[in-house]
């Protein structure tokens, strides 16, 4: 499972560098593609690692909320 999390994290970083951002809304994965770089190939990869990406984003949100609250 840890390897899939690493791949999912690398995918997030790669896509964010291309201008694709992700967030979770009511437990669902949402994205914004301001530059038109979210290709079909990338979408398939995101679908494959969807659960891991959601988990990563939830942990990041928790850390961000903790830092903001202090």
PDB file of N, CA and C in Angstrom:
ATOM      1  N   UNK A   1       0.826  -1.208   0.000  1.00  0.00           N
ATOM      2  CA  UNK A   1       0.000   0.000   0.000  1.00  0.00           C
ATOM      3  C   UNK A   1       0.864   1.264   0.000  1.00  0.00           C
ATOM      4  N   UNK A   2       1.993   1.193   0.698  1.00  0.00           N
ATOM      5  CA  UNK A   2       2.846   2.377   0.774  1.00  0.00           C
ATOM      6  C   UNK A   2       3.367   2.780  -0.596  1.00  0.00           C
ATOM      7  N   UNK A   3       3.676   1.807  -1.454  1.00  0.00           N
ATOM      8  CA  UNK A   3       4.164   2.121  -2.789  1.00  0.00           C
ATOM      9  C   UNK A   3       3.109   2.865  -3.599  1.00  0.00           C
ATOM     10  N   UNK A   4       1.840   2.480  -3.487  1.00  0.00           N
ATOM     11  CA  UNK A   4       0.785   3.172  -4.228  1.00  0.00           C
ATOM     12  C   UNK A   4       0.605   4.595  -3.708  1.00  0.00           C
ATOM     13  N   UNK A   5       0.811   4.796  -2.415  1.00  0.00           N
ATOM     14  CA  UNK A   5       0.736   6.153  -1.861  1.00  0.00           C
ATOM     15  C   UNK A   5       1.851   7.023  -2.421  1.00  0.00           C
ATOM     16  N   UNK A   6       3.030   6.442  -2.550  1.00  0.00           N
ATOM     17  CA  UNK A   6       4.159   7.190  -3.093  1.00  0.00           C
ATOM     18  C   UNK A   6       3.880   7.566  -4.549  1.00  0.00           C
ATOM     19  N   UNK A   7       3.383   6.628  -5.325  1.00  0.00           N
ATOM     20  CA  UNK A   7       3.059   6.894  -6.731  1.00  0.00           C
ATOM     21  C   UNK A   7       1.979   7.967  -6.824  1.00  0.00           C
ATOM     22  N   UNK A   8       0.966   7.874  -5.969  1.00  0.00           N
ATOM     23  CA  UNK A   8      -0.109   8.869  -5.961  1.00  0.00           C
ATOM     24  C   UNK A   8       0.426  10.250  -5.608  1.00  0.00           C
ATOM     25  N   UNK A   9       1.321  10.315  -4.636  1.00  0.00           N
ATOM     26  CA  UNK A   9       1.916  11.592  -4.241  1.00  0.00           C
ATOM     27  C   UNK A   9       2.749  12.196  -5.362  1.00  0.00           C
ATOM     28  N   UNK A  10       3.519  11.356  -6.028  1.00  0.00           N
ATOM     29  CA  UNK A  10       4.331  11.832  -7.157  1.00  0.00           C
ATOM     30  C   UNK A  10       3.439  12.329  -8.291  1.00  0.00           C
ATOM     31  N   UNK A  11       2.330  11.639  -8.512  1.00  0.00           N
ATOM     32  CA  UNK A  11       1.370  12.051  -9.542  1.00  0.00           C
ATOM     33  C   UNK A  11       0.781  13.423  -9.202  1.00  0.00           C
ATOM     34  N   UNK A  12       0.417  13.622  -7.944  1.00  0.00           N
ATOM     35  CA  UNK A  12      -0.106  14.923  -7.514  1.00  0.00           C
ATOM     36  C   UNK A  12       0.904  16.042  -7.766  1.00  0.00           C
ATOM     37  N   UNK A  13       2.139  15.803  -7.390  1.00  0.00           N
ATOM     38  CA  UNK A  13       3.187  16.814  -7.574  1.00  0.00           C
ATOM     39  C   UNK A  13       3.369  17.114  -9.061  1.00  0.00           C
ATOM     40  N   UNK A  14       3.430  16.068  -9.866  1.00  0.00           N
ATOM     41  CA  UNK A  14       3.607  16.224 -11.312  1.00  0.00           C
ATOM     42  C   UNK A  14       2.476  17.055 -11.917  1.00  0.00           C
ATOM     43  N   UNK A  15       1.240  16.743 -11.550  1.00  0.00           N
ATOM     44  CA  UNK A  15       0.094  17.456 -12.116  1.00  0.00           C
ATOM     45  C   UNK A  15       0.007  18.888 -11.596  1.00  0.00           C
ATOM     46  N   UNK A  16       0.336  19.106 -10.326  1.00  0.00           N
ATOM     47  CA  UNK A  16       0.304  20.470  -9.791  1.00  0.00           C
ATOM     48  C   UNK A  16       1.332  21.358 -10.481  1.00  0.00           C
ATOM     49  N   UNK A  17       2.475  20.780 -10.856  1.00  0.00           N
ATOM     50  CA  UNK A  17       3.483  21.546 -11.609  1.00  0.00           C
ATOM     51  C   UNK A  17       2.934  21.970 -12.971  1.00  0.00           C
ATOM     52  N   UNK A  18       1.990  21.190 -13.500  1.00  0.00           N
ATOM     53  CA  UNK A  18       1.378  21.488 -14.802  1.00  0.00           C
ATOM     54  C   UNK A  18       0.148  22.386 -14.666  1.00  0.00           C
ATOM     55  N   UNK A  19      -0.198  22.778 -13.439  1.00  0.00           N
ATOM     56  CA  UNK A  19      -1.323  23.678 -13.230  1.00  0.00           C
ATOM     57  C   UNK A  19      -2.637  23.001 -12.889  1.00  0.00           C
ATOM     58  N   UNK A  20      -2.595  21.696 -12.616  1.00  0.00           N
ATOM     59  CA  UNK A  20      -3.806  20.975 -12.220  1.00  0.00           C
ATOM     60  C   UNK A  20      -3.812  20.870 -10.703  1.00  0.00           C
ATOM     61  N   UNK A  21      -4.863  21.375 -10.071  1.00  0.00           N
ATOM     62  CA  UNK A  21      -4.943  21.322  -8.615  1.00  0.00           C
ATOM     63  C   UNK A  21      -6.104  20.438  -8.185  1.00  0.00           C
ATOM     64  N   UNK A  22      -5.965  19.849  -7.012  1.00  0.00           N
ATOM     65  CA  UNK A  22      -6.969  18.920  -6.495  1.00  0.00           C
ATOM     66  C   UNK A  22      -7.409  19.332  -5.104  1.00  0.00           C
ATOM     67  N   UNK A  23      -8.640  18.964  -4.782  1.00  0.00           N
ATOM     68  CA  UNK A  23      -9.173  19.160  -3.437  1.00  0.00           C
ATOM     69  C   UNK A  23     -10.256  18.119  -3.203  1.00  0.00           C
ATOM     70  N   UNK A  24     -10.595  17.925  -1.944  1.00  0.00           N
ATOM     71  CA  UNK A  24     -11.705  17.035  -1.628  1.00  0.00           C
ATOM     72  C   UNK A  24     -12.876  17.885  -1.169  1.00  0.00           C
ATOM     73  N   UNK A  25     -14.053  17.555  -1.677  1.00  0.00           N
ATOM     74  CA  UNK A  25     -15.282  18.236  -1.306  1.00  0.00           C
ATOM     75  C   UNK A  25     -16.289  17.145  -0.938  1.00  0.00           C
ATOM     76  N   UNK A  26     -16.698  17.146   0.318  1.00  0.00           N
ATOM     77  CA  UNK A  26     -17.626  16.127   0.814  1.00  0.00           C
ATOM     78  C   UNK A  26     -17.133  14.718   0.498  1.00  0.00           C
ATOM     79  N   UNK A  27     -15.822  14.514   0.656  1.00  0.00           N
ATOM     80  CA  UNK A  27     -15.238  13.196   0.435  1.00  0.00           C
ATOM     81  C   UNK A  27     -15.006  12.825  -1.014  1.00  0.00           C
ATOM     82  N   UNK A  28     -15.313  13.741  -1.920  1.00  0.00           N
ATOM     83  CA  UNK A  28     -15.122  13.468  -3.344  1.00  0.00           C
ATOM     84  C   UNK A  28     -13.933  14.261  -3.869  1.00  0.00           C
ATOM     85  N   UNK A  29     -13.244  13.684  -4.838  1.00  0.00           N
ATOM     86  CA  UNK A  29     -12.076  14.324  -5.427  1.00  0.00           C
ATOM     87  C   UNK A  29     -12.509  15.289  -6.520  1.00  0.00           C
ATOM     88  N   UNK A  30     -12.069  16.526  -6.407  1.00  0.00           N
ATOM     89  CA  UNK A  30     -12.377  17.561  -7.401  1.00  0.00           C
ATOM     90  C   UNK A  30     -11.065  18.123  -7.929  1.00  0.00           C
ATOM     91  N   UNK A  31     -11.085  18.576  -9.175  1.00  0.00           N
ATOM     92  CA  UNK A  31      -9.874  19.163  -9.742  1.00  0.00           C
ATOM     93  C   UNK A  31     -10.172  20.439 -10.505  1.00  0.00           C
ATOM     94  N   UNK A  32      -9.126  21.255 -10.655  1.00  0.00           N
ATOM     95  CA  UNK A  32      -9.185  22.462 -11.481  1.00  0.00           C
ATOM     96  C   UNK A  32      -7.998  22.400 -12.431  1.00  0.00           C
ATOM     97  N   UNK A  33      -8.261  22.647 -13.699  1.00  0.00           N
ATOM     98  CA  UNK A  33      -7.217  22.579 -14.721  1.00  0.00           C
ATOM     99  C   UNK A  33      -7.175  23.903 -15.458  1.00  0.00           C
ATOM    100  N   UNK A  34      -6.407  24.835 -14.924  1.00  0.00           N
ATOM    101  CA  UNK A  34      -6.381  26.192 -15.474  1.00  0.00           C
ATOM    102  C   UNK A  34      -5.619  26.300 -16.795  1.00  0.00           C
ATOM    103  N   UNK A  35      -4.761  25.318 -17.084  1.00  0.00           N
ATOM    104  CA  UNK A  35      -3.928  25.408 -18.277  1.00  0.00           C
ATOM    105  C   UNK A  35      -4.258  24.361 -19.344  1.00  0.00           C
ATOM    106  N   UNK A  36      -5.252  23.532 -19.102  1.00  0.00           N
ATOM    107  CA  UNK A  36      -5.618  22.502 -20.080  1.00  0.00           C
ATOM    108  C   UNK A  36      -4.623  21.361 -20.173  1.00  0.00           C
ATOM    109  N   UNK A  37      -3.944  21.055 -19.070  1.00  0.00           N
ATOM    110  CA  UNK A  37      -2.926  20.006 -19.068  1.00  0.00           C
ATOM    111  C   UNK A  37      -3.366  18.678 -18.472  1.00  0.00           C
ATOM    112  N   UNK A  38      -4.641  18.561 -18.123  1.00  0.00           N
ATOM    113  CA  UNK A  38      -5.129  17.322 -17.519  1.00  0.00           C
ATOM    114  C   UNK A  38      -5.584  16.390 -18.638  1.00  0.00           C
ATOM    115  N   UNK A  39      -4.645  15.606 -19.145  1.00  0.00           N
ATOM    116  CA  UNK A  39      -4.888  14.734 -20.297  1.00  0.00           C
ATOM    117  C   UNK A  39      -5.691  13.495 -19.905  1.00  0.00           C
ATOM    118  N   UNK A  40      -6.184  12.788 -20.911  1.00  0.00           N
ATOM    119  CA  UNK A  40      -6.915  11.532 -20.655  1.00  0.00           C
ATOM    120  C   UNK A  40      -6.018  10.531 -19.934  1.00  0.00           C
ATOM    121  N   UNK A  41      -4.751  10.475 -20.318  1.00  0.00           N
ATOM    122  CA  UNK A  41      -3.803   9.574 -19.666  1.00  0.00           C
ATOM    123  C   UNK A  41      -3.667   9.919 -18.183  1.00  0.00           C
ATOM    124  N   UNK A  42      -3.559  11.210 -17.887  1.00  0.00           N
ATOM    125  CA  UNK A  42      -3.462  11.654 -16.492  1.00  0.00           C
ATOM    126  C   UNK A  42      -4.740  11.340 -15.730  1.00  0.00           C
ATOM    127  N   UNK A  43      -5.888  11.536 -16.376  1.00  0.00           N
ATOM    128  CA  UNK A  43      -7.173  11.237 -15.724  1.00  0.00           C
ATOM    129  C   UNK A  43      -7.269   9.765 -15.354  1.00  0.00           C
ATOM    130  N   UNK A  44      -6.791   8.885 -16.235  1.00  0.00           N
ATOM    131  CA  UNK A  44      -6.810   7.447 -15.949  1.00  0.00           C
ATOM    132  C   UNK A  44      -5.930   7.125 -14.742  1.00  0.00           C
ATOM    133  N   UNK A  45      -4.766   7.759 -14.669  1.00  0.00           N
ATOM    134  CA  UNK A  45      -3.875   7.548 -13.521  1.00  0.00           C
ATOM    135  C   UNK A  45      -4.530   8.028 -12.237  1.00  0.00           C
ATOM    136  N   UNK A  46      -5.183   9.174 -12.290  1.00  0.00           N
ATOM    137  CA  UNK A  46      -5.854   9.713 -11.102  1.00  0.00           C
ATOM    138  C   UNK A  46      -6.971   8.771 -10.658  1.00  0.00           C
ATOM    139  N   UNK A  47      -7.733   8.236 -11.611  1.00  0.00           N
ATOM    140  CA  UNK A  47      -8.791   7.277 -11.265  1.00  0.00           C
ATOM    141  C   UNK A  47      -8.202   6.054 -10.562  1.00  0.00           C
ATOM    142  N   UNK A  48      -7.063   5.591 -11.066  1.00  0.00           N
ATOM    143  CA  UNK A  48      -6.418   4.398 -10.493  1.00  0.00           C
ATOM    144  C   UNK A  48      -5.997   4.628  -9.046  1.00  0.00           C
ATOM    145  N   UNK A  49      -5.513   5.836  -8.747  1.00  0.00           N
ATOM    146  CA  UNK A  49      -5.006   6.146  -7.411  1.00  0.00           C
ATOM    147  C   UNK A  49      -5.914   7.089  -6.631  1.00  0.00           C
ATOM    148  N   UNK A  50      -7.172   7.129  -6.991  1.00  0.00           N
ATOM    149  CA  UNK A  50      -8.124   8.072  -6.407  1.00  0.00           C
ATOM    150  C   UNK A  50      -8.162   8.003  -4.875  1.00  0.00           C
ATOM    151  N   UNK A  51      -8.279   6.813  -4.336  1.00  0.00           N
ATOM    152  CA  UNK A  51      -8.389   6.674  -2.877  1.00  0.00           C
ATOM    153  C   UNK A  51      -7.128   7.176  -2.173  1.00  0.00           C
ATOM    154  N   UNK A  52      -5.967   6.865  -2.733  1.00  0.00           N
ATOM    155  CA  UNK A  52      -4.713   7.320  -2.144  1.00  0.00           C
ATOM    156  C   UNK A  52      -4.586   8.840  -2.232  1.00  0.00           C
ATOM    157  N   UNK A  53      -5.009   9.410  -3.342  1.00  0.00           N
ATOM    158  CA  UNK A  53      -4.949  10.865  -3.514  1.00  0.00           C
ATOM    159  C   UNK A  53      -5.857  11.556  -2.507  1.00  0.00           C
ATOM    160  N   UNK A  54      -7.054  11.036  -2.339  1.00  0.00           N
ATOM    161  CA  UNK A  54      -7.984  11.610  -1.354  1.00  0.00           C
ATOM    162  C   UNK A  54      -7.371  11.554   0.042  1.00  0.00           C
ATOM    163  N   UNK A  55      -6.754  10.431   0.378  1.00  0.00           N
ATOM    164  CA  UNK A  55      -6.128  10.281   1.697  1.00  0.00           C
ATOM    165  C   UNK A  55      -4.990  11.292   1.880  1.00  0.00           C
ATOM    166  N   UNK A  56      -4.174  11.466   0.858  1.00  0.00           N
ATOM    167  CA  UNK A  56      -3.076  12.446   0.918  1.00  0.00           C
ATOM    168  C   UNK A  56      -3.634  13.851   1.114  1.00  0.00           C
ATOM    169  N   UNK A  57      -4.666  14.202   0.350  1.00  0.00           N
ATOM    170  CA  UNK A  57      -5.249  15.544   0.445  1.00  0.00           C
ATOM    171  C   UNK A  57      -5.881  15.788   1.804  1.00  0.00           C
ATOM    172  N   UNK A  58      -6.514  14.776   2.377  1.00  0.00           N
ATOM    173  CA  UNK A  58      -7.111  14.927   3.704  1.00  0.00           C
ATOM    174  C   UNK A  58      -6.042  15.182   4.751  1.00  0.00           C
ATOM    175  N   UNK A  59      -4.931  14.462   4.653  1.00  0.00           N
ATOM    176  CA  UNK A  59      -3.840  14.665   5.611  1.00  0.00           C
ATOM    177  C   UNK A  59      -3.228  16.047   5.442  1.00  0.00           C
ATOM    178  N   UNK A  60      -3.070  16.488   4.212  1.00  0.00           N
ATOM    179  CA  UNK A  60      -2.519  17.825   3.956  1.00  0.00           C
ATOM    180  C   UNK A  60      -3.453  18.883   4.526  1.00  0.00           C
ATOM    181  N   UNK A  61      -4.751  18.715   4.331  1.00  0.00           N
ATOM    182  CA  UNK A  61      -5.727  19.676   4.841  1.00  0.00           C
ATOM    183  C   UNK A  61      -5.653  19.733   6.367  1.00  0.00           C
ATOM    184  N   UNK A  62      -5.517  18.594   7.009  1.00  0.00           N
ATOM    185  CA  UNK A  62      -5.426  18.552   8.460  1.00  0.00           C
ATOM    186  C   UNK A  62      -4.194  19.301   8.939  1.00  0.00           C
ATOM    187  N   UNK A  63      -3.068  19.097   8.263  1.00  0.00           N
ATOM    188  CA  UNK A  63      -1.837  19.798   8.629  1.00  0.00           C
ATOM    189  C   UNK A  63      -2.004  21.301   8.412  1.00  0.00           C
ATOM    190  N   UNK A  64      -2.559  21.690   7.271  1.00  0.00           N
ATOM    191  CA  UNK A  64      -2.771  23.109   6.983  1.00  0.00           C
ATOM    192  C   UNK A  64      -3.687  23.758   8.014  1.00  0.00           C
ATOM    193  N   UNK A  65      -4.738  23.059   8.423  1.00  0.00           N
ATOM    194  CA  UNK A  65      -5.653  23.612   9.426  1.00  0.00           C
ATOM    195  C   UNK A  65      -4.943  23.759  10.766  1.00  0.00           C
ATOM    196  N   UNK A  66      -4.104  22.811  11.100  1.00  0.00           N
ATOM    197  CA  UNK A  66      -3.358  22.875  12.354  1.00  0.00           C
ATOM    198  C   UNK A  66      -2.418  24.085  12.343  1.00  0.00           C
ATOM    199  N   UNK A  67      -1.714  24.277  11.255  1.00  0.00           N
ATOM    200  CA  UNK A  67      -0.770  25.395  11.162  1.00  0.00           C
ATOM    201  C   UNK A  67      -1.513  26.725  11.206  1.00  0.00           C
ATOM    202  N   UNK A  68      -2.658  26.803  10.527  1.00  0.00           N
ATOM    203  CA  UNK A  68      -3.454  28.034  10.480  1.00  0.00           C
ATOM    204  C   UNK A  68      -4.019  28.378  11.855  1.00  0.00           C
ATOM    205  N   UNK A  69      -4.410  27.350  12.615  1.00  0.00           N
ATOM    206  CA  UNK A  69      -5.015  27.587  13.921  1.00  0.00           C
ATOM    207  C   UNK A  69      -4.027  28.097  14.966  1.00  0.00           C
ATOM    208  N   UNK A  70      -2.747  27.882  14.754  1.00  0.00           N
ATOM    209  CA  UNK A  70      -1.751  28.286  15.767  1.00  0.00           C
ATOM    210  C   UNK A  70      -1.193  29.628  15.527  1.00  0.00           C
TER     211      UNK A  70
END
